[in-house]
Amino acid sequence: PSPQVMGGPGVGTNPDEMLLGAAATCYLITLAHILENRRLPVLELTMNAEAVVSQTGSLKFERIIHRPSIVLRADATEQQLDTAQTAAMRADKHCMISKALHGNVEITVEASVTRAV
């Protein structure tokens, strides 16, 4: 369904949300796979994603921002923290949805990697 301002019913999921959801899910699954392959001591992996949509002219996705939060065990080394940060930045390059959007939508990653307290 589309928003009421576009003549739609204004309820349910719209195509914009579905695209953002697909991009975020693909990124998160890819990141989890990379972290697992690197055998990092991950305790928690969560994420928020945001879409920036152009309001001038026709509506268009300008940018997607992935904000993963990776929490490693309290005894994680600096090297493991760095590896997790690198993984967060690389996951976008290996995600099928990101590859499909490349050249049309800018995708940025703002990762948080910490140790458990």
N, C-alpha and C. Protein backbone atom coordinates (compact mmCIF):
# COMPACT_ATOMS: atom_id res chain seq x y z
N PRO A 1 0.82 -1.20 0.00
CA PRO A 1 0.00 0.00 0.00
C PRO A 1 0.86 1.26 0.00
N SER A 2 0.34 2.27 -0.59
CA SER A 2 1.08 3.53 -0.64
C SER A 2 0.46 4.55 0.31
N PRO A 3 1.22 5.60 0.64
CA PRO A 3 0.72 6.62 1.56
C PRO A 3 -0.54 7.30 1.02
N GLN A 4 -1.33 7.85 1.93
CA GLN A 4 -2.55 8.55 1.55
C GLN A 4 -2.25 9.73 0.64
N VAL A 5 -1.13 10.43 0.85
CA VAL A 5 -0.81 11.59 0.01
C VAL A 5 -0.57 11.18 -1.44
N MET A 6 -0.33 9.89 -1.68
CA MET A 6 -0.13 9.40 -3.04
C MET A 6 -1.37 8.66 -3.56
N GLY A 7 -2.47 8.77 -2.82
CA GLY A 7 -3.71 8.15 -3.25
C GLY A 7 -3.90 6.73 -2.73
N GLY A 8 -3.01 6.27 -1.87
CA GLY A 8 -3.11 4.92 -1.32
C GLY A 8 -3.86 4.92 -0.01
N PRO A 9 -4.08 3.74 0.56
CA PRO A 9 -4.83 3.63 1.80
C PRO A 9 -4.07 4.11 3.03
N GLY A 10 -2.75 4.19 2.96
CA GLY A 10 -1.97 4.69 4.09
C GLY A 10 -1.76 3.68 5.20
N VAL A 11 -2.06 2.41 4.96
CA VAL A 11 -1.84 1.37 5.96
C VAL A 11 -0.96 0.28 5.35
N GLY A 12 -0.28 -0.45 6.21
CA GLY A 12 0.55 -1.55 5.73
C GLY A 12 1.94 -1.08 5.35
N THR A 13 2.69 -1.99 4.80
CA THR A 13 4.06 -1.71 4.39
C THR A 13 4.08 -1.15 2.98
N ASN A 14 4.89 -0.12 2.78
CA ASN A 14 4.99 0.45 1.43
C ASN A 14 6.27 -0.05 0.76
N PRO A 15 6.40 0.12 -0.53
CA PRO A 15 7.59 -0.37 -1.25
C PRO A 15 8.91 0.20 -0.72
N ASP A 16 8.90 1.44 -0.25
CA ASP A 16 10.12 2.04 0.30
C ASP A 16 10.60 1.25 1.52
N GLU A 17 9.66 0.92 2.40
CA GLU A 17 10.00 0.16 3.61
C GLU A 17 10.48 -1.24 3.25
N MET A 18 9.88 -1.82 2.22
CA MET A 18 10.28 -3.16 1.80
C MET A 18 11.70 -3.16 1.24
N LEU A 19 12.04 -2.14 0.46
CA LEU A 19 13.39 -2.05 -0.09
C LEU A 19 14.41 -1.84 1.03
N LEU A 20 14.11 -0.95 1.96
CA LEU A 20 15.01 -0.72 3.09
C LEU A 20 15.15 -1.99 3.92
N GLY A 21 14.04 -2.68 4.15
CA GLY A 21 14.08 -3.93 4.91
C GLY A 21 14.92 -4.99 4.22
N ALA A 22 14.79 -5.10 2.90
CA ALA A 22 15.58 -6.07 2.15
C ALA A 22 17.06 -5.74 2.22
N ALA A 23 17.39 -4.46 2.05
CA ALA A 23 18.80 -4.04 2.10
C ALA A 23 19.39 -4.28 3.49
N ALA A 24 18.64 -3.93 4.52
CA ALA A 24 19.13 -4.09 5.90
C ALA A 24 19.29 -5.57 6.26
N THR A 25 18.32 -6.38 5.89
CA THR A 25 18.38 -7.81 6.20
C THR A 25 19.54 -8.48 5.48
N CYS A 26 19.71 -8.17 4.21
CA CYS A 26 20.82 -8.74 3.44
C CYS A 26 22.15 -8.34 4.06
N TYR A 27 22.29 -7.07 4.40
CA TYR A 27 23.53 -6.58 5.01
C TYR A 27 23.79 -7.31 6.33
N LEU A 28 22.77 -7.42 7.18
CA LEU A 28 22.95 -8.03 8.50
C LEU A 28 23.31 -9.51 8.40
N ILE A 29 22.67 -10.23 7.49
CA ILE A 29 22.98 -11.65 7.30
C ILE A 29 24.42 -11.80 6.79
N THR A 30 24.81 -10.94 5.87
CA THR A 30 26.17 -10.98 5.33
C THR A 30 27.18 -10.67 6.43
N LEU A 31 26.91 -9.66 7.24
CA LEU A 31 27.80 -9.30 8.33
C LEU A 31 27.91 -10.45 9.33
N ALA A 32 26.80 -11.06 9.70
CA ALA A 32 26.83 -12.18 10.65
C ALA A 32 27.68 -13.32 10.11
N HIS A 33 27.57 -13.59 8.82
CA HIS A 33 28.35 -14.65 8.19
C HIS A 33 29.85 -14.34 8.26
N ILE A 34 30.22 -13.10 7.95
CA ILE A 34 31.63 -12.70 8.00
C ILE A 34 32.16 -12.80 9.43
N LEU A 35 31.40 -12.31 10.40
CA LEU A 35 31.83 -12.37 11.80
C LEU A 35 32.02 -13.81 12.26
N GLU A 36 31.11 -14.68 11.85
CA GLU A 36 31.21 -16.10 12.22
C GLU A 36 32.45 -16.73 11.57
N ASN A 37 32.68 -16.43 10.30
CA ASN A 37 33.86 -16.98 9.62
C ASN A 37 35.16 -16.51 10.24
N ARG A 38 35.17 -15.31 10.82
CA ARG A 38 36.37 -14.77 11.46
C ARG A 38 36.51 -15.28 12.90
N ARG A 39 35.51 -16.06 13.33
CA ARG A 39 35.49 -16.65 14.68
C ARG A 39 35.65 -15.59 15.78
N LEU A 40 34.93 -14.50 15.59
CA LEU A 40 34.99 -13.42 16.59
C LEU A 40 34.04 -13.73 17.75
N PRO A 41 34.39 -13.31 18.97
CA PRO A 41 33.57 -13.60 20.15
C PRO A 41 32.38 -12.64 20.27
N VAL A 42 31.43 -12.76 19.35
CA VAL A 42 30.28 -11.86 19.30
C VAL A 42 29.24 -12.27 20.34
N LEU A 43 28.85 -11.32 21.17
CA LEU A 43 27.78 -11.54 22.14
C LEU A 43 26.45 -11.02 21.61
N GLU A 44 26.51 -9.92 20.87
CA GLU A 44 25.28 -9.27 20.42
C GLU A 44 25.53 -8.58 19.08
N LEU A 45 24.56 -8.73 18.18
CA LEU A 45 24.61 -8.06 16.89
C LEU A 45 23.22 -7.50 16.61
N THR A 46 23.11 -6.19 16.58
CA THR A 46 21.84 -5.53 16.29
C THR A 46 22.09 -4.47 15.23
N MET A 47 21.01 -3.95 14.68
CA MET A 47 21.19 -2.95 13.65
C MET A 47 19.96 -2.07 13.49
N ASN A 48 20.22 -0.83 13.12
CA ASN A 48 19.19 0.09 12.67
C ASN A 48 19.58 0.49 11.25
N ALA A 49 18.59 0.82 10.46
CA ALA A 49 18.86 1.28 9.10
C ALA A 49 17.95 2.47 8.82
N GLU A 50 18.44 3.37 8.01
CA GLU A 50 17.68 4.58 7.68
C GLU A 50 17.78 4.82 6.18
N ALA A 51 16.68 5.25 5.60
CA ALA A 51 16.67 5.63 4.19
C ALA A 51 16.51 7.14 4.08
N VAL A 52 17.29 7.73 3.20
CA VAL A 52 17.16 9.15 2.90
C VAL A 52 16.53 9.22 1.51
N VAL A 53 15.34 9.82 1.45
CA VAL A 53 14.58 9.89 0.21
C VAL A 53 14.55 11.32 -0.28
N SER A 54 14.81 11.51 -1.56
CA SER A 54 14.78 12.84 -2.16
C SER A 54 13.34 13.34 -2.18
N GLN A 55 13.15 14.57 -1.76
CA GLN A 55 11.82 15.17 -1.76
C GLN A 55 11.63 16.15 -2.92
N THR A 56 12.67 16.32 -3.72
CA THR A 56 12.58 17.24 -4.86
C THR A 56 12.33 16.43 -6.13
N GLY A 57 11.43 16.91 -6.95
CA GLY A 57 11.10 16.19 -8.18
C GLY A 57 10.42 14.88 -7.83
N SER A 58 10.78 13.83 -8.55
CA SER A 58 10.19 12.52 -8.26
C SER A 58 10.88 11.92 -7.04
N LEU A 59 10.12 11.15 -6.26
CA LEU A 59 10.68 10.52 -5.07
C LEU A 59 11.74 9.51 -5.48
N LYS A 60 12.88 9.53 -4.79
CA LYS A 60 13.98 8.65 -5.12
C LYS A 60 14.80 8.38 -3.87
N PHE A 61 15.21 7.12 -3.69
CA PHE A 61 16.14 6.79 -2.62
C PHE A 61 17.46 7.45 -2.94
N GLU A 62 17.96 8.28 -2.05
CA GLU A 62 19.28 8.88 -2.24
C GLU A 62 20.34 8.07 -1.52
N ARG A 63 19.99 7.61 -0.30
CA ARG A 63 21.01 6.95 0.51
C ARG A 63 20.37 6.01 1.51
N ILE A 64 21.07 4.93 1.80
CA ILE A 64 20.71 4.02 2.88
C ILE A 64 21.87 4.03 3.86
N ILE A 65 21.55 4.16 5.14
CA ILE A 65 22.58 4.17 6.19
C ILE A 65 22.35 2.95 7.08
N HIS A 66 23.34 2.05 7.10
CA HIS A 66 23.31 0.90 7.99
C HIS A 66 24.08 1.27 9.25
N ARG A 67 23.47 1.00 10.41
CA ARG A 67 24.12 1.29 11.69
C ARG A 67 24.17 0.02 12.54
N PRO A 68 25.11 -0.87 12.22
CA PRO A 68 25.22 -2.09 13.03
C PRO A 68 25.89 -1.80 14.37
N SER A 69 25.48 -2.55 15.37
CA SER A 69 26.10 -2.49 16.70
C SER A 69 26.59 -3.90 17.02
N ILE A 70 27.90 -4.03 17.17
CA ILE A 70 28.52 -5.32 17.43
C ILE A 70 29.12 -5.27 18.83
N VAL A 71 28.69 -6.18 19.69
CA VAL A 71 29.25 -6.26 21.04
C VAL A 71 30.03 -7.57 21.15
N LEU A 72 31.33 -7.44 21.40
CA LEU A 72 32.19 -8.60 21.60
C LEU A 72 32.34 -8.88 23.09
N ARG A 73 32.80 -10.09 23.40
CA ARG A 73 33.03 -10.43 24.81
C ARG A 73 33.97 -9.43 25.45
N ALA A 74 33.91 -9.32 26.76
CA ALA A 74 34.74 -8.36 27.51
C ALA A 74 36.23 -8.61 27.32
N ASP A 75 36.61 -9.86 27.04
CA ASP A 75 38.03 -10.19 26.88
C ASP A 75 38.50 -10.10 25.42
N ALA A 76 37.71 -9.52 24.55
CA ALA A 76 38.09 -9.39 23.14
C ALA A 76 39.34 -8.52 23.01
N THR A 77 40.20 -8.90 22.09
CA THR A 77 41.45 -8.15 21.87
C THR A 77 41.20 -6.94 20.97
N GLU A 78 42.17 -6.05 20.95
CA GLU A 78 42.09 -4.89 20.04
C GLU A 78 42.01 -5.37 18.59
N GLN A 79 42.77 -6.41 18.27
CA GLN A 79 42.75 -6.95 16.91
C GLN A 79 41.35 -7.47 16.56
N GLN A 80 40.69 -8.12 17.50
CA GLN A 80 39.33 -8.60 17.25
C GLN A 80 38.36 -7.45 17.05
N LEU A 81 38.52 -6.38 17.83
CA LEU A 81 37.68 -5.20 17.65
C LEU A 81 37.90 -4.61 16.25
N ASP A 82 39.15 -4.51 15.83
CA ASP A 82 39.47 -3.98 14.50
C ASP A 82 38.91 -4.88 13.40
N THR A 83 39.02 -6.19 13.60
CA THR A 83 38.51 -7.14 12.61
C THR A 83 36.99 -7.01 12.48
N ALA A 84 36.31 -6.83 13.60
CA ALA A 84 34.85 -6.65 13.56
C ALA A 84 34.48 -5.36 12.84
N GLN A 85 35.23 -4.30 13.08
CA GLN A 85 34.98 -3.02 12.40
C GLN A 85 35.18 -3.17 10.89
N THR A 86 36.24 -3.84 10.50
CA THR A 86 36.51 -4.08 9.08
C THR A 86 35.40 -4.92 8.46
N ALA A 87 34.94 -5.93 9.19
CA ALA A 87 33.85 -6.78 8.70
C ALA A 87 32.59 -5.96 8.47
N ALA A 88 32.30 -5.04 9.38
CA ALA A 88 31.11 -4.19 9.24
C ALA A 88 31.19 -3.35 7.97
N MET A 89 32.37 -2.87 7.65
CA MET A 89 32.53 -2.04 6.46
C MET A 89 32.51 -2.89 5.18
N ARG A 90 32.99 -4.11 5.26
CA ARG A 90 33.06 -4.98 4.07
C ARG A 90 31.75 -5.68 3.75
N ALA A 91 30.91 -5.89 4.74
CA ALA A 91 29.67 -6.64 4.52
C ALA A 91 28.84 -6.03 3.41
N ASP A 92 28.83 -4.72 3.33
CA ASP A 92 28.06 -4.04 2.29
C ASP A 92 28.54 -4.42 0.89
N LYS A 93 29.83 -4.65 0.74
CA LYS A 93 30.41 -4.97 -0.57
C LYS A 93 30.03 -6.37 -1.04
N HIS A 94 29.63 -7.24 -0.10
CA HIS A 94 29.31 -8.62 -0.44
C HIS A 94 27.81 -8.92 -0.42
N CYS A 95 27.01 -7.95 -0.04
CA CYS A 95 25.55 -8.13 0.04
C CYS A 95 24.93 -8.03 -1.35
N MET A 96 24.12 -9.00 -1.73
CA MET A 96 23.52 -9.03 -3.05
C MET A 96 22.61 -7.82 -3.31
N ILE A 97 21.86 -7.39 -2.32
CA ILE A 97 20.97 -6.24 -2.50
C ILE A 97 21.79 -4.97 -2.68
N SER A 98 22.83 -4.81 -1.89
CA SER A 98 23.71 -3.63 -2.05
C SER A 98 24.31 -3.60 -3.44
N LYS A 99 24.73 -4.76 -3.93
CA LYS A 99 25.30 -4.82 -5.29
C LYS A 99 24.26 -4.40 -6.32
N ALA A 100 23.01 -4.81 -6.13
CA ALA A 100 21.95 -4.46 -7.08
C ALA A 100 21.66 -2.95 -7.06
N LEU A 101 21.80 -2.33 -5.89
CA LEU A 101 21.52 -0.90 -5.76
C LEU A 101 22.70 -0.02 -6.15
N HIS A 102 23.90 -0.61 -6.23
CA HIS A 102 25.12 0.14 -6.52
C HIS A 102 24.96 1.00 -7.78
N GLY A 103 25.34 2.26 -7.66
CA GLY A 103 25.22 3.19 -8.78
C GLY A 103 23.92 3.97 -8.78
N ASN A 104 22.94 3.48 -8.02
CA ASN A 104 21.64 4.16 -7.94
C ASN A 104 21.37 4.74 -6.56
N VAL A 105 21.86 4.06 -5.53
CA VAL A 105 21.63 4.48 -4.16
C VAL A 105 22.96 4.41 -3.41
N GLU A 106 23.32 5.50 -2.74
CA GLU A 106 24.54 5.49 -1.92
C GLU A 106 24.25 4.71 -0.65
N ILE A 107 25.15 3.81 -0.29
CA ILE A 107 24.99 3.04 0.94
C ILE A 107 26.19 3.32 1.83
N THR A 108 25.90 3.76 3.06
CA THR A 108 26.97 4.03 4.01
C THR A 108 26.79 3.17 5.25
N VAL A 109 27.89 2.94 5.94
CA VAL A 109 27.88 2.13 7.15
C VAL A 109 28.47 2.96 8.29
N GLU A 110 27.73 3.03 9.39
CA GLU A 110 28.18 3.71 10.61
C GLU A 110 28.15 2.67 11.72
N ALA A 111 29.24 1.92 11.85
CA ALA A 111 29.29 0.80 12.78
C ALA A 111 29.75 1.21 14.17
N SER A 112 29.22 0.51 15.15
CA SER A 112 29.67 0.63 16.54
C SER A 112 30.16 -0.75 16.97
N VAL A 113 31.43 -0.83 17.36
CA VAL A 113 32.01 -2.09 17.83
C VAL A 113 32.54 -1.86 19.24
N THR A 114 32.03 -2.62 20.20
CA THR A 114 32.43 -2.44 21.60
C THR A 114 32.65 -3.78 22.28
N ARG A 115 33.24 -3.71 23.46
CA ARG A 115 33.37 -4.88 24.33
C ARG A 115 32.22 -4.85 25.34
N ALA A 116 31.80 -6.02 25.75
CA ALA A 116 30.80 -6.10 26.81
C ALA A 116 31.41 -5.59 28.11
N VAL A 117 30.57 -5.03 28.95
CA VAL A 117 31.06 -4.53 30.24
C VAL A 117 30.65 -5.46 31.36
